[in-house]
């Protein structure tokens, strides 16, 4: 049973995607700005049902590519 709890914990921390709330925390932005960014066609987000998310690696590439730029939403 203990191994199952540990496995679940590791899976949670090794998620491949960021939610809107996690994106807010990463960038220090509010909810409205996070959703605007997710809905921006130039941002690498995806939508599953009514949930927006972004793959961590795609987010890291986007950040690097847009370093020093002004992002207009």
N, C-alpha and C. Protein backbone atom coordinates (compact mmCIF):
# COMPACT_ATOMS: atom_id res chain seq x y z
N UNK A 1 0.80 -1.19 0.00
CA UNK A 1 0.00 0.00 0.00
C UNK A 1 0.86 1.27 0.00
N UNK A 2 1.93 1.27 0.77
CA UNK A 2 2.82 2.43 0.83
C UNK A 2 3.44 2.73 -0.53
N UNK A 3 3.82 1.69 -1.28
CA UNK A 3 4.41 1.91 -2.60
C UNK A 3 3.41 2.58 -3.53
N UNK A 4 2.11 2.26 -3.37
CA UNK A 4 1.07 2.85 -4.21
C UNK A 4 0.95 4.35 -3.94
N UNK A 5 0.99 4.74 -2.66
CA UNK A 5 0.93 6.15 -2.31
C UNK A 5 2.14 6.89 -2.87
N UNK A 6 3.33 6.30 -2.74
CA UNK A 6 4.55 6.91 -3.26
C UNK A 6 4.48 7.04 -4.78
N UNK A 7 3.99 6.01 -5.44
CA UNK A 7 3.87 6.02 -6.90
C UNK A 7 2.91 7.12 -7.34
N UNK A 8 1.77 7.26 -6.66
CA UNK A 8 0.80 8.30 -6.99
C UNK A 8 1.41 9.69 -6.79
N UNK A 9 2.17 9.87 -5.71
CA UNK A 9 2.82 11.14 -5.43
C UNK A 9 3.82 11.49 -6.53
N UNK A 10 4.62 10.52 -6.94
CA UNK A 10 5.61 10.76 -7.99
C UNK A 10 4.93 11.08 -9.31
N UNK A 11 3.84 10.39 -9.62
CA UNK A 11 3.12 10.66 -10.87
C UNK A 11 2.57 12.09 -10.86
N UNK A 12 2.05 12.53 -9.73
CA UNK A 12 1.49 13.87 -9.62
C UNK A 12 2.57 14.92 -9.86
N UNK A 13 3.75 14.71 -9.32
CA UNK A 13 4.83 15.68 -9.46
C UNK A 13 5.52 15.59 -10.81
N UNK A 14 5.31 14.53 -11.54
CA UNK A 14 5.93 14.35 -12.85
C UNK A 14 4.92 14.58 -13.98
N UNK A 15 3.89 15.39 -13.70
CA UNK A 15 2.89 15.66 -14.72
C UNK A 15 3.56 16.27 -15.94
N UNK A 16 3.02 15.98 -17.08
CA UNK A 16 3.57 16.50 -18.32
C UNK A 16 2.99 17.86 -18.70
N UNK A 17 1.91 18.25 -18.03
CA UNK A 17 1.22 19.50 -18.39
C UNK A 17 1.03 20.39 -17.17
N UNK A 18 0.81 21.67 -17.45
CA UNK A 18 0.48 22.66 -16.43
C UNK A 18 -0.97 23.08 -16.62
N UNK A 19 -1.68 23.21 -15.53
CA UNK A 19 -3.05 23.73 -15.56
C UNK A 19 -3.00 25.26 -15.58
N UNK A 20 -4.16 25.87 -15.71
CA UNK A 20 -4.23 27.33 -15.67
C UNK A 20 -3.71 27.84 -14.32
N UNK A 21 -4.12 27.20 -13.24
CA UNK A 21 -3.67 27.62 -11.91
C UNK A 21 -2.16 27.49 -11.76
N UNK A 22 -1.58 26.40 -12.28
CA UNK A 22 -0.13 26.22 -12.20
C UNK A 22 0.59 27.24 -13.08
N UNK A 23 0.00 27.58 -14.21
CA UNK A 23 0.58 28.62 -15.07
C UNK A 23 0.58 29.96 -14.35
N UNK A 24 -0.52 30.26 -13.64
CA UNK A 24 -0.60 31.49 -12.85
C UNK A 24 0.55 31.54 -11.84
N UNK A 25 0.76 30.43 -11.15
CA UNK A 25 1.82 30.38 -10.14
C UNK A 25 3.20 30.52 -10.76
N UNK A 26 3.43 29.87 -11.89
CA UNK A 26 4.74 29.95 -12.56
C UNK A 26 5.07 31.37 -12.99
N UNK A 27 4.08 32.06 -13.53
CA UNK A 27 4.34 33.38 -14.11
C UNK A 27 3.98 34.53 -13.17
N UNK A 28 3.32 34.23 -12.06
CA UNK A 28 2.90 35.29 -11.15
C UNK A 28 1.85 36.20 -11.77
N UNK A 29 0.90 35.60 -12.48
CA UNK A 29 -0.15 36.37 -13.16
C UNK A 29 -1.51 35.97 -12.59
N UNK A 30 -2.51 36.76 -12.88
CA UNK A 30 -3.86 36.49 -12.43
C UNK A 30 -4.59 35.51 -13.34
N UNK A 31 -5.76 35.13 -12.89
CA UNK A 31 -6.58 34.14 -13.61
C UNK A 31 -6.98 34.63 -15.00
N UNK A 32 -7.44 35.87 -15.10
CA UNK A 32 -7.88 36.40 -16.40
C UNK A 32 -6.75 36.44 -17.41
N UNK A 33 -5.58 36.86 -16.97
CA UNK A 33 -4.42 36.92 -17.87
C UNK A 33 -3.99 35.51 -18.27
N UNK A 34 -4.04 34.57 -17.33
CA UNK A 34 -3.68 33.19 -17.64
C UNK A 34 -4.61 32.60 -18.70
N UNK A 35 -5.91 32.83 -18.56
CA UNK A 35 -6.86 32.34 -19.57
C UNK A 35 -6.67 33.03 -20.91
N UNK A 36 -6.41 34.33 -20.88
CA UNK A 36 -6.16 35.06 -22.14
C UNK A 36 -4.94 34.48 -22.84
N UNK A 37 -3.92 34.18 -22.08
CA UNK A 37 -2.71 33.59 -22.65
C UNK A 37 -3.01 32.21 -23.24
N UNK A 38 -3.74 31.39 -22.49
CA UNK A 38 -4.10 30.04 -22.97
C UNK A 38 -4.92 30.10 -24.25
N UNK A 39 -5.74 31.13 -24.39
CA UNK A 39 -6.60 31.25 -25.57
C UNK A 39 -5.88 31.91 -26.74
N UNK A 40 -4.70 32.49 -26.48
CA UNK A 40 -3.91 33.15 -27.52
C UNK A 40 -3.36 32.09 -28.48
N UNK A 41 -3.58 32.27 -29.75
CA UNK A 41 -3.14 31.31 -30.75
C UNK A 41 -1.64 31.12 -30.82
N UNK A 42 -0.87 32.07 -30.33
CA UNK A 42 0.59 31.98 -30.37
C UNK A 42 1.15 31.22 -29.17
N UNK A 43 0.28 30.88 -28.21
CA UNK A 43 0.70 30.15 -27.01
C UNK A 43 0.39 28.67 -27.20
N UNK A 44 1.30 27.77 -26.80
CA UNK A 44 1.13 26.34 -27.10
C UNK A 44 0.19 25.60 -26.16
N UNK A 45 -1.01 26.11 -25.97
CA UNK A 45 -1.96 25.45 -25.07
C UNK A 45 -2.82 24.45 -25.82
N UNK A 46 -3.49 23.62 -25.05
CA UNK A 46 -4.45 22.68 -25.62
C UNK A 46 -5.68 22.69 -24.72
N UNK A 47 -6.76 22.21 -25.26
CA UNK A 47 -8.00 22.18 -24.50
C UNK A 47 -8.56 20.77 -24.54
N UNK A 48 -8.84 20.23 -23.37
CA UNK A 48 -9.48 18.93 -23.24
C UNK A 48 -10.81 19.15 -22.54
N UNK A 49 -11.88 18.97 -23.28
CA UNK A 49 -13.19 19.33 -22.73
C UNK A 49 -13.21 20.83 -22.52
N UNK A 50 -13.44 21.25 -21.29
CA UNK A 50 -13.43 22.69 -21.02
C UNK A 50 -12.23 23.10 -20.17
N UNK A 51 -11.20 22.26 -20.14
CA UNK A 51 -9.98 22.55 -19.37
C UNK A 51 -8.83 22.91 -20.30
N UNK A 52 -8.17 24.02 -20.01
CA UNK A 52 -6.99 24.43 -20.74
C UNK A 52 -5.75 23.92 -20.02
N UNK A 53 -4.73 23.56 -20.78
CA UNK A 53 -3.45 23.15 -20.22
C UNK A 53 -2.36 23.37 -21.25
N UNK A 54 -1.13 23.34 -20.77
CA UNK A 54 0.02 23.51 -21.66
C UNK A 54 1.06 22.46 -21.27
N UNK A 55 1.65 21.83 -22.27
CA UNK A 55 2.71 20.86 -22.01
C UNK A 55 3.92 21.61 -21.45
N UNK A 56 4.52 21.07 -20.41
CA UNK A 56 5.65 21.74 -19.74
C UNK A 56 6.79 22.05 -20.70
N UNK A 57 7.15 21.09 -21.55
CA UNK A 57 8.27 21.32 -22.48
C UNK A 57 7.93 22.39 -23.50
N UNK A 58 6.70 22.39 -24.01
CA UNK A 58 6.28 23.41 -24.97
C UNK A 58 6.26 24.79 -24.31
N UNK A 59 5.84 24.83 -23.05
CA UNK A 59 5.84 26.09 -22.30
C UNK A 59 7.26 26.61 -22.13
N UNK A 60 8.19 25.73 -21.80
CA UNK A 60 9.59 26.14 -21.62
C UNK A 60 10.16 26.69 -22.93
N UNK A 61 9.85 26.04 -24.05
CA UNK A 61 10.32 26.52 -25.36
C UNK A 61 9.71 27.88 -25.68
N UNK A 62 8.42 28.04 -25.40
CA UNK A 62 7.73 29.30 -25.65
C UNK A 62 8.36 30.42 -24.83
N UNK A 63 8.64 30.14 -23.55
CA UNK A 63 9.27 31.14 -22.69
C UNK A 63 10.62 31.59 -23.26
N UNK A 64 11.43 30.62 -23.66
CA UNK A 64 12.76 30.92 -24.20
C UNK A 64 12.64 31.73 -25.49
N UNK A 65 11.72 31.33 -26.35
CA UNK A 65 11.52 32.00 -27.64
C UNK A 65 11.03 33.44 -27.47
N UNK A 66 10.29 33.71 -26.41
CA UNK A 66 9.70 35.04 -26.20
C UNK A 66 10.40 35.86 -25.13
N UNK A 67 11.57 35.41 -24.72
CA UNK A 67 12.33 36.13 -23.70
C UNK A 67 12.61 37.57 -24.16
N UNK A 68 12.27 38.53 -23.32
CA UNK A 68 12.53 39.93 -23.63
C UNK A 68 11.49 40.58 -24.51
N UNK A 69 10.49 39.85 -24.94
CA UNK A 69 9.44 40.41 -25.80
C UNK A 69 8.22 40.82 -25.00
N UNK A 70 7.47 41.76 -25.55
CA UNK A 70 6.20 42.16 -24.98
C UNK A 70 5.13 41.26 -25.59
N UNK A 71 4.37 40.58 -24.75
CA UNK A 71 3.29 39.70 -25.23
C UNK A 71 1.98 40.47 -25.14
N UNK A 72 1.35 40.68 -26.28
CA UNK A 72 0.06 41.39 -26.31
C UNK A 72 -1.06 40.36 -26.35
N UNK A 73 -2.01 40.54 -25.45
CA UNK A 73 -3.13 39.60 -25.36
C UNK A 73 -4.41 40.22 -25.86
